[in-house]
Amino acid sequence: MTPTGTDDGTNEGSRGGDGGAGGAHARDGRAPSKRDATVVRDALGVGVAVGLSGFAFGVTSAGSGLTVLQSCLLSLLVFTGASQFALVGALAGGGNPFTAAAGAFFLGVRNAFYGLRLSQLLALPRAVRPLAAHWVIDETAAVSLAQPTRRAARIGFTVTGLSLYVLWNATTLLGALGAEAIGDTDVWGLDAAGPAVFLALLAPMLRTAADRSVAAVAVVLGLGLLPFLPTGAPVLVSALAVPIVLSVEGRKLRAGRKHEEGHDMHEEGRDMHEEGGDMHEEGPEEPDVPRREDP
């Protein structure tokens, strides 16, 4: 699936109208072929690195009681790692299938927001959009949004999506077959593979203090409610971490603005007071009295 919109993409404007490939060439001094090769290399690196973790999903899925066919269908049709791990993790813990599916669904909603941004950036033909939508995930969005031109974004999206989709599904099959061959995965400690990979995928996304705060509050809510709610339900409740943190951040922002406004008013008042003091020290100006000359 090589997305195209114009003849070769070289006359297209990039995000925000950067003048297309020619404009990018003028800025970085590299020929389009070299720039494309760099994008392909970076996209392959992401696709291969993340695609290999499909083995852990296959093992975890088989360990949760799903068959090899069910595990492979999840990767083929769902293809969003975090949601897949959440689903099989909840099932492995004895959770209700509907609750597990709901948790996986809410985790996958973020891909819809990626799609809104990528639809403008990639501007793919209508015929390939349904196929491309299946590849809208964290990794393809990250690689595409990091590119300076539309052509580079399309290449990054295609190479990342294709390599990741092929490897993820291949390693899912291998992991499921391997888990079926070794029997009880709990004996080998492979039941921890899913959470470990999930955390590995999540950690790089926690770039800001707000991100880390949301993660911390979600962990507290999830673990704190674990003894009281059915399996899988704490994951849903932990989503409340987002509005909680946003509310606190909003209050801090408003308090900071009020403090700054008060500080500015205090500075203005002090300046006015100093000016008044200077005028008091100088006193009123004496009128000029003509001097009397002696006869």
C-alpha atoms as a PDB file:
ATOM      1  CA  MET A   1       0.000   0.000   0.000  1.00  0.00           C
ATOM      2  CA  THR A   2       2.019   2.938  -1.280  1.00  0.00           C
ATOM      3  CA  PRO A   3      -0.131   6.031  -0.763  1.00  0.00           C
ATOM      4  CA  THR A   4      -0.137   8.497  -3.608  1.00  0.00           C
ATOM      5  CA  GLY A   5      -1.982  11.711  -4.171  1.00  0.00           C
ATOM      6  CA  THR A   6      -0.140  13.479  -6.978  1.00  0.00           C
ATOM      7  CA  ASP A   7       2.136  12.113  -9.637  1.00  0.00           C
ATOM      8  CA  ASP A   8       5.134  11.624  -7.365  1.00  0.00           C
ATOM      9  CA  GLY A   9       4.424  13.699  -4.277  1.00  0.00           C
ATOM     10  CA  THR A  10       7.315  16.062  -4.986  1.00  0.00           C
ATOM     11  CA  ASN A  11       5.107  19.061  -5.726  1.00  0.00           C
ATOM     12  CA  GLU A  12       2.975  18.721  -2.602  1.00  0.00           C
ATOM     13  CA  GLY A  13       3.138  21.079   0.301  1.00  0.00           C
ATOM     14  CA  SER A  14       4.074  19.589   3.620  1.00  0.00           C
ATOM     15  CA  ARG A  15       2.421  20.150   6.963  1.00  0.00           C
ATOM     16  CA  GLY A  16       1.721  23.803   7.322  1.00  0.00           C
ATOM     17  CA  GLY A  17       2.733  24.487   3.719  1.00  0.00           C
ATOM     18  CA  ASP A  18       6.504  24.147   3.690  1.00  0.00           C
ATOM     19  CA  GLY A  19       6.758  24.244  -0.074  1.00  0.00           C
ATOM     20  CA  GLY A  20       6.905  20.499  -0.722  1.00  0.00           C
ATOM     21  CA  ALA A  21       9.957  18.344  -1.332  1.00  0.00           C
ATOM     22  CA  GLY A  22      11.816  21.133  -3.068  1.00  0.00           C
ATOM     23  CA  GLY A  23      11.419  23.363  -0.011  1.00  0.00           C
ATOM     24  CA  ALA A  24      12.624  20.602   2.286  1.00  0.00           C
ATOM     25  CA  HIS A  25      15.601  19.955   0.004  1.00  0.00           C
ATOM     26  CA  ALA A  26      16.521  23.605   0.155  1.00  0.00           C
ATOM     27  CA  ARG A  27      16.415  23.538   3.945  1.00  0.00           C
ATOM     28  CA  ASP A  28      18.367  20.375   4.717  1.00  0.00           C
ATOM     29  CA  GLY A  29      20.558  20.209   1.602  1.00  0.00           C
ATOM     30  CA  ARG A  30      19.843  16.516   0.963  1.00  0.00           C
ATOM     31  CA  ALA A  31      18.587  14.978  -2.245  1.00  0.00           C
ATOM     32  CA  PRO A  32      15.085  13.427  -2.104  1.00  0.00           C
ATOM     33  CA  SER A  33      16.500   9.910  -2.508  1.00  0.00           C
ATOM     34  CA  LYS A  34      18.778  10.293   0.513  1.00  0.00           C
ATOM     35  CA  ARG A  35      16.010  11.833   2.579  1.00  0.00           C
ATOM     36  CA  ASP A  36      13.619   9.034   1.613  1.00  0.00           C
ATOM     37  CA  ALA A  37      16.235   6.444   2.539  1.00  0.00           C
ATOM     38  CA  THR A  38      16.570   8.008   5.992  1.00  0.00           C
ATOM     39  CA  VAL A  39      12.806   7.879   6.518  1.00  0.00           C
ATOM     40  CA  VAL A  40      12.677   4.240   5.397  1.00  0.00           C
ATOM     41  CA  ARG A  41      15.540   3.332   7.758  1.00  0.00           C
ATOM     42  CA  ASP A  42      13.901   5.001  10.756  1.00  0.00           C
ATOM     43  CA  ALA A  43      10.482   3.511   9.935  1.00  0.00           C
ATOM     44  CA  LEU A  44      11.935   0.017   9.589  1.00  0.00           C
ATOM     45  CA  GLY A  45      13.708   0.413  12.919  1.00  0.00           C
ATOM     46  CA  VAL A  46      10.418   1.196  14.657  1.00  0.00           C
ATOM     47  CA  GLY A  47       8.502  -1.506  12.792  1.00  0.00           C
ATOM     48  CA  VAL A  48      11.009  -4.245  13.513  1.00  0.00           C
ATOM     49  CA  ALA A  49      11.579  -3.303  17.170  1.00  0.00           C
ATOM     50  CA  VAL A  50       7.894  -3.180  18.045  1.00  0.00           C
ATOM     51  CA  GLY A  51       6.843  -5.962  15.676  1.00  0.00           C
ATOM     52  CA  LEU A  52       8.998  -8.489  17.498  1.00  0.00           C
ATOM     53  CA  SER A  53       7.007  -7.894  20.692  1.00  0.00           C
ATOM     54  CA  GLY A  54       4.122  -9.691  19.015  1.00  0.00           C
ATOM     55  CA  PHE A  55       5.806 -12.868  20.258  1.00  0.00           C
ATOM     56  CA  ALA A  56       5.035 -11.785  23.830  1.00  0.00           C
ATOM     57  CA  PHE A  57       1.431 -11.173  22.873  1.00  0.00           C
ATOM     58  CA  GLY A  58       1.121 -14.610  21.295  1.00  0.00           C
ATOM     59  CA  VAL A  59       2.476 -16.234  24.443  1.00  0.00           C
ATOM     60  CA  THR A  60       0.246 -14.160  26.722  1.00  0.00           C
ATOM     61  CA  SER A  61      -2.822 -14.753  24.573  1.00  0.00           C
ATOM     62  CA  ALA A  62      -2.326 -18.508  24.510  1.00  0.00           C
ATOM     63  CA  GLY A  63      -1.659 -18.465  28.255  1.00  0.00           C
ATOM     64  CA  SER A  64      -4.971 -16.699  28.858  1.00  0.00           C
ATOM     65  CA  GLY A  65      -6.850 -19.572  27.267  1.00  0.00           C
ATOM     66  CA  LEU A  66      -7.280 -18.356  23.685  1.00  0.00           C
ATOM     67  CA  THR A  67      -6.519 -20.734  20.852  1.00  0.00           C
ATOM     68  CA  VAL A  68      -3.828 -20.114  18.262  1.00  0.00           C
ATOM     69  CA  LEU A  69      -6.469 -19.127  15.726  1.00  0.00           C
ATOM     70  CA  GLN A  70      -8.136 -16.687  18.118  1.00  0.00           C
ATOM     71  CA  SER A  71      -4.783 -15.116  18.977  1.00  0.00           C
ATOM     72  CA  CYS A  72      -3.895 -14.670  15.317  1.00  0.00           C
ATOM     73  CA  LEU A  73      -7.308 -13.219  14.467  1.00  0.00           C
ATOM     74  CA  LEU A  74      -6.903 -10.644  17.216  1.00  0.00           C
ATOM     75  CA  SER A  75      -3.621  -9.466  15.701  1.00  0.00           C
ATOM     76  CA  LEU A  76      -4.950  -9.542  12.149  1.00  0.00           C
ATOM     77  CA  LEU A  77      -8.219  -7.735  12.812  1.00  0.00           C
ATOM     78  CA  VAL A  78      -7.592  -5.595  15.890  1.00  0.00           C
ATOM     79  CA  PHE A  79      -3.905  -4.720  15.442  1.00  0.00           C
ATOM     80  CA  THR A  80      -3.414  -2.346  18.330  1.00  0.00           C
ATOM     81  CA  GLY A  81      -0.952  -3.775  20.820  1.00  0.00           C
ATOM     82  CA  ALA A  82      -2.032  -2.070  24.038  1.00  0.00           C
ATOM     83  CA  SER A  83      -5.687  -2.983  23.534  1.00  0.00           C
ATOM     84  CA  GLN A  84      -4.792  -6.568  22.696  1.00  0.00           C
ATOM     85  CA  PHE A  85      -2.673  -6.945  25.819  1.00  0.00           C
ATOM     86  CA  ALA A  86      -5.415  -5.356  27.941  1.00  0.00           C
ATOM     87  CA  LEU A  87      -7.982  -7.779  26.555  1.00  0.00           C
ATOM     88  CA  VAL A  88      -6.012 -10.977  27.077  1.00  0.00           C
ATOM     89  CA  GLY A  89      -4.710  -9.732  30.431  1.00  0.00           C
ATOM     90  CA  ALA A  90      -8.227  -9.249  31.730  1.00  0.00           C
ATOM     91  CA  LEU A  91      -9.289 -12.628  30.369  1.00  0.00           C
ATOM     92  CA  ALA A  92      -6.266 -14.293  31.947  1.00  0.00           C
ATOM     93  CA  GLY A  93      -7.301 -12.850  35.312  1.00  0.00           C
ATOM     94  CA  GLY A  94     -10.744 -14.392  35.005  1.00  0.00           C
ATOM     95  CA  GLY A  95     -12.475 -11.162  34.013  1.00  0.00           C
ATOM     96  CA  ASN A  96     -15.790 -10.885  32.254  1.00  0.00           C
ATOM     97  CA  PRO A  97     -15.303 -10.919  28.454  1.00  0.00           C
ATOM     98  CA  PHE A  98     -17.534  -7.859  28.011  1.00  0.00           C
ATOM     99  CA  THR A  99     -15.605  -5.899  30.642  1.00  0.00           C
ATOM    100  CA  ALA A 100     -12.327  -6.960  29.059  1.00  0.00           C
ATOM    101  CA  ALA A 101     -13.560  -5.884  25.630  1.00  0.00           C
ATOM    102  CA  ALA A 102     -14.741  -2.536  27.009  1.00  0.00           C
ATOM    103  CA  GLY A 103     -11.317  -1.847  28.501  1.00  0.00           C
ATOM    104  CA  ALA A 104      -9.630  -2.723  25.234  1.00  0.00           C
ATOM    105  CA  PHE A 105     -12.066  -0.500  23.345  1.00  0.00           C
ATOM    106  CA  PHE A 106     -11.359   2.552  25.500  1.00  0.00           C
ATOM    107  CA  LEU A 107      -7.620   2.063  25.056  1.00  0.00           C
ATOM    108  CA  GLY A 108      -8.106   1.917  21.301  1.00  0.00           C
ATOM    109  CA  VAL A 109     -10.156   5.121  21.113  1.00  0.00           C
ATOM    110  CA  ARG A 110      -6.933   7.153  20.990  1.00  0.00           C
ATOM    111  CA  ASN A 111      -6.330   5.837  17.474  1.00  0.00           C
ATOM    112  CA  ALA A 112      -9.376   7.761  16.284  1.00  0.00           C
ATOM    113  CA  PHE A 113      -7.714  11.012  17.349  1.00  0.00           C
ATOM    114  CA  TYR A 114      -4.529   9.987  15.540  1.00  0.00           C
ATOM    115  CA  GLY A 115      -6.667   9.411  12.461  1.00  0.00           C
ATOM    116  CA  LEU A 116      -8.078  12.934  12.545  1.00  0.00           C
ATOM    117  CA  ARG A 117      -4.578  14.403  12.416  1.00  0.00           C
ATOM    118  CA  LEU A 118      -3.144  11.921   9.932  1.00  0.00           C
ATOM    119  CA  SER A 119      -6.037  12.344   7.501  1.00  0.00           C
ATOM    120  CA  GLN A 120      -4.995  15.964   7.008  1.00  0.00           C
ATOM    121  CA  LEU A 121      -1.287  15.252   6.963  1.00  0.00           C
ATOM    122  CA  LEU A 122      -1.283  12.279   4.574  1.00  0.00           C
ATOM    123  CA  ALA A 123      -4.274  13.323   2.411  1.00  0.00           C
ATOM    124  CA  LEU A 124      -4.580   9.801   1.011  1.00  0.00           C
ATOM    125  CA  PRO A 125      -6.903   8.910  -1.883  1.00  0.00           C
ATOM    126  CA  ARG A 126     -10.338   7.767  -0.743  1.00  0.00           C
ATOM    127  CA  ALA A 127      -9.815   4.291  -2.157  1.00  0.00           C
ATOM    128  CA  VAL A 128      -6.979   3.447   0.253  1.00  0.00           C
ATOM    129  CA  ARG A 129      -8.231   5.249   3.362  1.00  0.00           C
ATOM    130  CA  PRO A 130     -10.145   2.251   4.792  1.00  0.00           C
ATOM    131  CA  LEU A 131      -7.006   0.116   4.497  1.00  0.00           C
ATOM    132  CA  ALA A 132      -4.767   2.834   5.906  1.00  0.00           C
ATOM    133  CA  ALA A 133      -7.108   3.315   8.873  1.00  0.00           C
ATOM    134  CA  HIS A 134      -6.237  -0.197  10.041  1.00  0.00           C
ATOM    135  CA  TRP A 135      -2.614   0.914  10.426  1.00  0.00           C
ATOM    136  CA  VAL A 136      -3.331   4.048  12.445  1.00  0.00           C
ATOM    137  CA  ILE A 137      -1.594   3.217  15.727  1.00  0.00           C
ATOM    138  CA  ASP A 138       0.933   4.850  18.067  1.00  0.00           C
ATOM    139  CA  GLU A 139       4.002   3.940  16.047  1.00  0.00           C
ATOM    140  CA  THR A 140       2.764   4.933  12.589  1.00  0.00           C
ATOM    141  CA  ALA A 141       1.392   8.201  13.967  1.00  0.00           C
ATOM    142  CA  ALA A 142       4.679   9.015  15.712  1.00  0.00           C
ATOM    143  CA  VAL A 143       6.812   8.333  12.627  1.00  0.00           C
ATOM    144  CA  SER A 144       4.472  10.220  10.284  1.00  0.00           C
ATOM    145  CA  LEU A 145       4.100  13.295  12.466  1.00  0.00           C
ATOM    146  CA  ALA A 146       7.875  13.552  12.880  1.00  0.00           C
ATOM    147  CA  GLN A 147       8.446  14.064   9.126  1.00  0.00           C
ATOM    148  CA  PRO A 148       8.964  17.516   7.555  1.00  0.00           C
ATOM    149  CA  THR A 149       7.043  16.896   4.310  1.00  0.00           C
ATOM    150  CA  ARG A 150       3.899  15.097   3.212  1.00  0.00           C
ATOM    151  CA  ARG A 151       5.911  12.784   0.965  1.00  0.00           C
ATOM    152  CA  ALA A 152       8.161  11.768   3.873  1.00  0.00           C
ATOM    153  CA  ALA A 153       5.141  11.319   6.140  1.00  0.00           C
ATOM    154  CA  ARG A 154       3.502   8.996   3.615  1.00  0.00           C
ATOM    155  CA  ILE A 155       6.663   6.940   3.254  1.00  0.00           C
ATOM    156  CA  GLY A 156       7.097   6.739   7.033  1.00  0.00           C
ATOM    157  CA  PHE A 157       3.489   5.718   7.554  1.00  0.00           C
ATOM    158  CA  THR A 158       3.576   3.037   4.846  1.00  0.00           C
ATOM    159  CA  VAL A 159       6.904   1.471   5.801  1.00  0.00           C
ATOM    160  CA  THR A 160       6.169   1.514   9.528  1.00  0.00           C
ATOM    161  CA  GLY A 161       2.672   0.114   9.077  1.00  0.00           C
ATOM    162  CA  LEU A 162       3.669  -2.603   6.631  1.00  0.00           C
ATOM    163  CA  SER A 163       6.740  -3.839   8.527  1.00  0.00           C
ATOM    164  CA  LEU A 164       4.972  -3.714  11.875  1.00  0.00           C
ATOM    165  CA  TYR A 165       1.824  -5.450  10.620  1.00  0.00           C
ATOM    166  CA  VAL A 166       3.754  -8.297   8.981  1.00  0.00           C
ATOM    167  CA  LEU A 167       6.117  -8.869  11.908  1.00  0.00           C
ATOM    168  CA  TRP A 168       3.453  -8.468  14.594  1.00  0.00           C
ATOM    169  CA  ASN A 169       1.257 -11.109  13.021  1.00  0.00           C
ATOM    170  CA  ALA A 170       4.146 -13.472  12.281  1.00  0.00           C
ATOM    171  CA  THR A 171       5.509 -13.275  15.821  1.00  0.00           C
ATOM    172  CA  THR A 172       2.002 -13.609  17.280  1.00  0.00           C
ATOM    173  CA  LEU A 173       1.702 -16.943  15.493  1.00  0.00           C
ATOM    174  CA  LEU A 174       5.130 -18.070  16.692  1.00  0.00           C
ATOM    175  CA  GLY A 175       4.394 -16.994  20.270  1.00  0.00           C
ATOM    176  CA  ALA A 176       1.027 -18.744  20.350  1.00  0.00           C
ATOM    177  CA  LEU A 177       2.500 -21.952  18.898  1.00  0.00           C
ATOM    178  CA  GLY A 178       5.402 -21.806  21.339  1.00  0.00           C
ATOM    179  CA  ALA A 179       3.137 -21.304  24.323  1.00  0.00           C
ATOM    180  CA  GLU A 180       0.944 -24.184  23.198  1.00  0.00           C
ATOM    181  CA  ALA A 181       4.009 -26.399  22.889  1.00  0.00           C
ATOM    182  CA  ILE A 182       5.424 -25.637  26.350  1.00  0.00           C
ATOM    183  CA  GLY A 183       2.043 -25.992  28.074  1.00  0.00           C
ATOM    184  CA  ASP A 184       1.418 -24.000  31.237  1.00  0.00           C
ATOM    185  CA  THR A 185       2.985 -20.560  30.695  1.00  0.00           C
ATOM    186  CA  ASP A 186       2.676 -19.671  34.382  1.00  0.00           C
ATOM    187  CA  VAL A 187       5.337 -22.243  35.221  1.00  0.00           C
ATOM    188  CA  TRP A 188       7.830 -20.384  33.006  1.00  0.00           C
ATOM    189  CA  GLY A 189       6.773 -16.964  34.244  1.00  0.00           C
ATOM    190  CA  LEU A 190       5.615 -15.983  30.769  1.00  0.00           C
ATOM    191  CA  ASP A 191       2.377 -14.577  32.173  1.00  0.00           C
ATOM    192  CA  ALA A 192       4.423 -11.480  33.041  1.00  0.00           C
ATOM    193  CA  ALA A 193       5.383 -10.915  29.403  1.00  0.00           C
ATOM    194  CA  GLY A 194       2.200  -9.025  28.586  1.00  0.00           C
ATOM    195  CA  PRO A 195       2.388  -6.433  31.389  1.00  0.00           C
ATOM    196  CA  ALA A 196       6.124  -5.995  30.771  1.00  0.00           C
ATOM    197  CA  VAL A 197       5.662  -5.224  27.091  1.00  0.00           C
ATOM    198  CA  PHE A 198       2.680  -2.992  27.894  1.00  0.00           C
ATOM    199  CA  LEU A 199       4.829  -0.932  30.249  1.00  0.00           C
ATOM    200  CA  ALA A 200       7.635  -0.824  27.687  1.00  0.00           C
ATOM    201  CA  LEU A 201       5.216   0.629  25.130  1.00  0.00           C
ATOM    202  CA  LEU A 202       3.774   3.095  27.638  1.00  0.00           C
ATOM    203  CA  ALA A 203       6.979   4.442  29.197  1.00  0.00           C
ATOM    204  CA  PRO A 204       8.248   6.428  26.178  1.00  0.00           C
ATOM    205  CA  MET A 205       4.906   8.245  25.964  1.00  0.00           C
ATOM    206  CA  LEU A 206       5.259   9.762  29.456  1.00  0.00           C
ATOM    207  CA  ARG A 207       7.157  12.834  28.300  1.00  0.00           C
ATOM    208  CA  THR A 208       5.631  15.599  30.428  1.00  0.00           C
ATOM    209  CA  ALA A 209       4.884  16.009  34.107  1.00  0.00           C
ATOM    210  CA  ALA A 210       1.165  15.867  33.340  1.00  0.00           C
ATOM    211  CA  ASP A 211       1.613  12.550  31.510  1.00  0.00           C
ATOM    212  CA  ARG A 212       3.485  11.065  34.455  1.00  0.00           C
ATOM    213  CA  SER A 213       0.878  12.387  36.877  1.00  0.00           C
ATOM    214  CA  VAL A 214      -1.932  10.746  34.894  1.00  0.00           C
ATOM    215  CA  ALA A 215      -0.024   7.454  34.889  1.00  0.00           C
ATOM    216  CA  ALA A 216       0.616   7.633  38.646  1.00  0.00           C
ATOM    217  CA  VAL A 217      -3.012   8.425  39.500  1.00  0.00           C
ATOM    218  CA  ALA A 218      -4.209   5.655  37.168  1.00  0.00           C
ATOM    219  CA  VAL A 219      -1.925   3.155  38.926  1.00  0.00           C
ATOM    220  CA  VAL A 220      -3.228   4.239  42.345  1.00  0.00           C
ATOM    221  CA  LEU A 221      -6.849   3.947  41.214  1.00  0.00           C
ATOM    222  CA  GLY A 222      -6.324   0.613  39.471  1.00  0.00           C
ATOM    223  CA  LEU A 223      -4.427  -1.054  42.308  1.00  0.00           C
ATOM    224  CA  GLY A 224      -6.538   0.510  45.042  1.00  0.00           C
ATOM    225  CA  LEU A 225      -9.810  -0.698  43.545  1.00  0.00           C
ATOM    226  CA  LEU A 226      -8.519  -4.116  42.512  1.00  0.00           C
ATOM    227  CA  PRO A 227      -9.757  -5.917  45.677  1.00  0.00           C
ATOM    228  CA  PHE A 228     -13.227  -4.350  45.454  1.00  0.00           C
ATOM    229  CA  LEU A 229     -14.209  -4.470  41.770  1.00  0.00           C
ATOM    230  CA  PRO A 230     -14.538  -7.289  39.233  1.00  0.00           C
ATOM    231  CA  THR A 231     -11.509  -8.124  37.138  1.00  0.00           C
ATOM    232  CA  GLY A 232     -11.098  -5.611  34.325  1.00  0.00           C
ATOM    233  CA  ALA A 233     -13.267  -2.926  35.943  1.00  0.00           C
ATOM    234  CA  PRO A 234     -10.337  -1.132  37.680  1.00  0.00           C
ATOM    235  CA  VAL A 235      -8.830  -0.487  34.239  1.00  0.00           C
ATOM    236  CA  LEU A 236     -11.979   1.369  33.231  1.00  0.00           C
ATOM    237  CA  VAL A 237     -12.119   3.364  36.465  1.00  0.00           C
ATOM    238  CA  SER A 238      -8.441   4.320  36.137  1.00  0.00           C
ATOM    239  CA  ALA A 239      -9.423   6.395  33.082  1.00  0.00           C
ATOM    240  CA  LEU A 240     -10.729   8.938  35.604  1.00  0.00           C
ATOM    241  CA  ALA A 241      -7.080   9.851  36.168  1.00  0.00           C
ATOM    242  CA  VAL A 242      -7.236  12.071  33.093  1.00  0.00           C
ATOM    243  CA  PRO A 243      -9.995  14.478  34.268  1.00  0.00           C
ATOM    244  CA  ILE A 244      -8.568  14.452  37.800  1.00  0.00           C
ATOM    245  CA  VAL A 245      -5.123  15.571  36.655  1.00  0.00           C
ATOM    246  CA  LEU A 246      -6.550  18.057  34.158  1.00  0.00           C
ATOM    247  CA  SER A 247      -8.650  19.596  36.919  1.00  0.00           C
ATOM    248  CA  VAL A 248      -5.644  19.976  39.213  1.00  0.00           C
ATOM    249  CA  GLU A 249      -3.491  21.373  36.399  1.00  0.00           C
ATOM    250  CA  GLY A 250      -6.230  23.858  35.509  1.00  0.00           C
ATOM    251  CA  ARG A 251      -6.438  25.088  39.098  1.00  0.00           C
ATOM    252  CA  LYS A 252      -2.674  25.513  39.250  1.00  0.00           C
ATOM    253  CA  LEU A 253      -2.712  27.451  36.009  1.00  0.00           C
ATOM    254  CA  ARG A 254      -5.475  29.774  37.189  1.00  0.00           C
ATOM    255  CA  ALA A 255      -3.749  30.299  40.540  1.00  0.00           C
ATOM    256  CA  GLY A 256      -0.494  31.090  38.748  1.00  0.00           C
ATOM    257  CA  ARG A 257      -2.205  33.658  36.555  1.00  0.00           C
ATOM    258  CA  LYS A 258      -3.844  35.333  39.558  1.00  0.00           C
ATOM    259  CA  HIS A 259      -0.494  35.429  41.334  1.00  0.00           C
ATOM    260  CA  GLU A 260       1.153  37.011  38.310  1.00  0.00           C
ATOM    261  CA  GLU A 261      -1.630  39.585  37.998  1.00  0.00           C
ATOM    262  CA  GLY A 262      -1.341  40.426  41.707  1.00  0.00           C
ATOM    263  CA  HIS A 263       2.423  40.719  41.392  1.00  0.00           C
ATOM    264  CA  ASP A 264       2.071  43.050  38.399  1.00  0.00           C
ATOM    265  CA  MET A 265      -0.430  45.224  40.255  1.00  0.00           C
ATOM    266  CA  HIS A 266       1.912  45.354  43.257  1.00  0.00           C
ATOM    267  CA  GLU A 267       4.799  46.422  41.017  1.00  0.00           C
ATOM    268  CA  GLU A 268       2.661  49.127  39.413  1.00  0.00           C
ATOM    269  CA  GLY A 269       1.566  50.398  42.818  1.00  0.00           C
ATOM    270  CA  ARG A 270       5.156  50.512  44.051  1.00  0.00           C
ATOM    271  CA  ASP A 271       6.237  52.432  40.970  1.00  0.00           C
ATOM    272  CA  MET A 272       3.435  54.948  41.469  1.00  0.00           C
ATOM    273  CA  HIS A 273       4.384  55.305  45.141  1.00  0.00           C
ATOM    274  CA  GLU A 274       8.026  55.928  44.253  1.00  0.00           C
ATOM    275  CA  GLU A 275       7.034  58.543  41.687  1.00  0.00           C
ATOM    276  CA  GLY A 276       4.841  60.275  44.282  1.00  0.00           C
ATOM    277  CA  GLY A 277       7.714  60.264  46.768  1.00  0.00           C
ATOM    278  CA  ASP A 278      10.059  61.844  44.267  1.00  0.00           C
ATOM    279  CA  MET A 279       7.546  64.577  43.529  1.00  0.00           C
ATOM    280  CA  HIS A 280       7.108  65.242  47.286  1.00  0.00           C
ATOM    281  CA  GLU A 281      10.874  65.560  47.819  1.00  0.00           C
ATOM    282  CA  GLU A 282      11.273  67.953  44.927  1.00  0.00           C
ATOM    283  CA  GLY A 283       8.344  70.132  46.091  1.00  0.00           C
ATOM    284  CA  PRO A 284       6.521  72.697  43.962  1.00  0.00           C
ATOM    285  CA  GLU A 285       8.590  74.605  41.494  1.00  0.00           C
ATOM    286  CA  GLU A 286       9.310  78.225  42.541  1.00  0.00           C
ATOM    287  CA  PRO A 287       8.059  80.847  40.076  1.00  0.00           C
ATOM    288  CA  ASP A 288      10.662  82.924  38.288  1.00  0.00           C
ATOM    289  CA  VAL A 289      10.841  86.444  39.892  1.00  0.00           C
ATOM    290  CA  PRO A 290      12.521  89.138  37.806  1.00  0.00           C
ATOM    291  CA  ARG A 291      15.587  90.585  39.524  1.00  0.00           C
ATOM    292  CA  ARG A 292      15.570  94.274  40.360  1.00  0.00           C
ATOM    293  CA  GLU A 293      18.479  96.166  38.878  1.00  0.00           C
ATOM    294  CA  ASP A 294      20.193  98.969  40.854  1.00  0.00           C
ATOM    295  CA  PRO A 295      19.998 102.463  39.342  1.00  0.00           C
END
